[in-house]
C-alpha atoms as a PDB file:
ATOM      1  CA  MET A   1      83.664  65.263 239.504  1.00  0.00           C
ATOM      2  CA  GLN A   2      81.932  67.687 241.820  1.00  0.00           C
ATOM      3  CA  GLU A   3      80.716  70.995 240.418  1.00  0.00           C
ATOM      4  CA  ARG A   4      80.360  74.145 242.473  1.00  0.00           C
ATOM      5  CA  TYR A   5      77.304  76.365 242.327  1.00  0.00           C
ATOM      6  CA  CYS A   6      76.802  79.848 243.670  1.00  0.00           C
ATOM      7  CA  ASP A   7      73.603  78.973 245.560  1.00  0.00           C
ATOM      8  CA  TYR A   8      70.453  76.865 245.383  1.00  0.00           C
ATOM      9  CA  ASP A   9      69.030  78.847 242.462  1.00  0.00           C
ATOM     10  CA  CYS A  10      72.183  78.303 240.400  1.00  0.00           C
ATOM     11  CA  TYR A  11      72.056  74.568 241.158  1.00  0.00           C
ATOM     12  CA  ARG A  12      68.368  74.381 240.245  1.00  0.00           C
ATOM     13  CA  GLN A  13      68.953  76.226 236.970  1.00  0.00           C
ATOM     14  CA  GLN A  14      71.890  73.971 236.061  1.00  0.00           C
ATOM     15  CA  ALA A  15      69.917  70.812 236.916  1.00  0.00           C
ATOM     16  CA  THR A  16      66.942  72.001 234.848  1.00  0.00           C
ATOM     17  CA  MET A  17      69.140  72.760 231.861  1.00  0.00           C
ATOM     18  CA  GLU A  18      70.691  69.276 232.025  1.00  0.00           C
ATOM     19  CA  ILE A  19      67.233  67.704 231.933  1.00  0.00           C
ATOM     20  CA  PHE A  20      66.188  69.590 228.799  1.00  0.00           C
ATOM     21  CA  TRP A  21      69.599  69.715 227.086  1.00  0.00           C
ATOM     22  CA  PRO A  22      71.832  66.895 228.394  1.00  0.00           C
ATOM     23  CA  TYR A  23      74.608  67.436 225.828  1.00  0.00           C
ATOM     24  CA  ARG A  24      77.673  69.179 227.175  1.00  0.00           C
ATOM     25  CA  SER A  25      79.423  69.784 223.865  1.00  0.00           C
ATOM     26  CA  SER A  26      78.161  71.035 220.542  1.00  0.00           C
ATOM     27  CA  LEU A  27      79.548  67.921 218.818  1.00  0.00           C
ATOM     28  CA  GLU A  28      77.281  65.685 220.920  1.00  0.00           C
ATOM     29  CA  ALA A  29      74.294  67.893 220.099  1.00  0.00           C
ATOM     30  CA  ILE A  30      75.049  67.885 216.370  1.00  0.00           C
ATOM     31  CA  THR A  31      75.489  64.111 216.403  1.00  0.00           C
ATOM     32  CA  ALA A  32      72.174  63.565 218.193  1.00  0.00           C
ATOM     33  CA  LEU A  33      70.265  65.953 215.914  1.00  0.00           C
ATOM     34  CA  THR A  34      71.806  64.350 212.813  1.00  0.00           C
ATOM     35  CA  ALA A  35      70.798  60.879 213.994  1.00  0.00           C
ATOM     36  CA  ILE A  36      67.228  62.044 214.651  1.00  0.00           C
ATOM     37  CA  SER A  37      67.061  63.730 211.255  1.00  0.00           C
ATOM     38  CA  ALA A  38      68.392  60.661 209.430  1.00  0.00           C
ATOM     39  CA  TRP A  39      65.951  58.380 211.222  1.00  0.00           C
ATOM     40  CA  SER A  40      63.052  60.674 210.351  1.00  0.00           C
ATOM     41  CA  LEU A  41      64.067  60.796 206.686  1.00  0.00           C
ATOM     42  CA  MET A  42      64.410  57.007 206.610  1.00  0.00           C
ATOM     43  CA  MET A  43      60.898  56.598 208.017  1.00  0.00           C
ATOM     44  CA  GLN A  44      59.444  59.000 205.441  1.00  0.00           C
ATOM     45  CA  MET A  45      61.202  57.283 202.552  1.00  0.00           C
ATOM     46  CA  GLY A  46      60.017  53.886 203.797  1.00  0.00           C
ATOM     47  CA  ALA A  47      56.419  55.090 203.898  1.00  0.00           C
ATOM     48  CA  LEU A  48      56.746  56.596 200.417  1.00  0.00           C
ATOM     49  CA  SER A  49      58.188  53.406 198.941  1.00  0.00           C
ATOM     50  CA  ARG A  50      55.418  51.320 200.534  1.00  0.00           C
ATOM     51  CA  SER A  51      52.777  53.658 199.117  1.00  0.00           C
ATOM     52  CA  LEU A  52      54.284  53.566 195.630  1.00  0.00           C
ATOM     53  CA  THR A  53      54.567  49.775 195.723  1.00  0.00           C
ATOM     54  CA  GLU A  54      50.936  49.416 196.795  1.00  0.00           C
ATOM     55  CA  ALA A  55      49.798  51.811 194.049  1.00  0.00           C
ATOM     56  CA  TYR A  56      51.769  49.850 191.444  1.00  0.00           C
ATOM     57  CA  LEU A  57      50.332  46.528 192.618  1.00  0.00           C
ATOM     58  CA  ARG A  58      46.777  47.893 192.569  1.00  0.00           C
ATOM     59  CA  ALA A  59      47.245  49.237 189.029  1.00  0.00           C
ATOM     60  CA  HIS A  60      48.710  45.899 187.942  1.00  0.00           C
ATOM     61  CA  ASP A  61      45.760  44.015 189.473  1.00  0.00           C
ATOM     62  CA  LEU A  62      43.309  46.311 187.647  1.00  0.00           C
ATOM     63  CA  LEU A  63      45.036  45.665 184.328  1.00  0.00           C
ATOM     64  CA  THR A  64      45.010  41.900 184.768  1.00  0.00           C
ATOM     65  CA  THR A  65      41.367  41.723 185.893  1.00  0.00           C
ATOM     66  CA  GLU A  66      40.234  43.944 183.000  1.00  0.00           C
ATOM     67  CA  GLY A  67      42.114  41.901 180.389  1.00  0.00           C
ATOM     68  CA  GLY A  68      45.115  44.145 179.943  1.00  0.00           C
ATOM     69  CA  ASP A  69      48.672  43.185 179.044  1.00  0.00           C
ATOM     70  CA  GLY A  70      49.445  41.560 182.402  1.00  0.00           C
END
């Protein structure tokens, strides 16, 4: 499909906009932003669960080396 432009400046503006915002429809944009958001949340929750697991294991090791219930 060939698009028509009014002149070189119009073409340059359209080409620049496609580089920075390649989504033609709002549904594509919403889908991409939702995927990025979900991935970011997943990474944060993974880091939090690793931190909590490490803290639990350290506390458990302290209890067993100091003669606790362990």
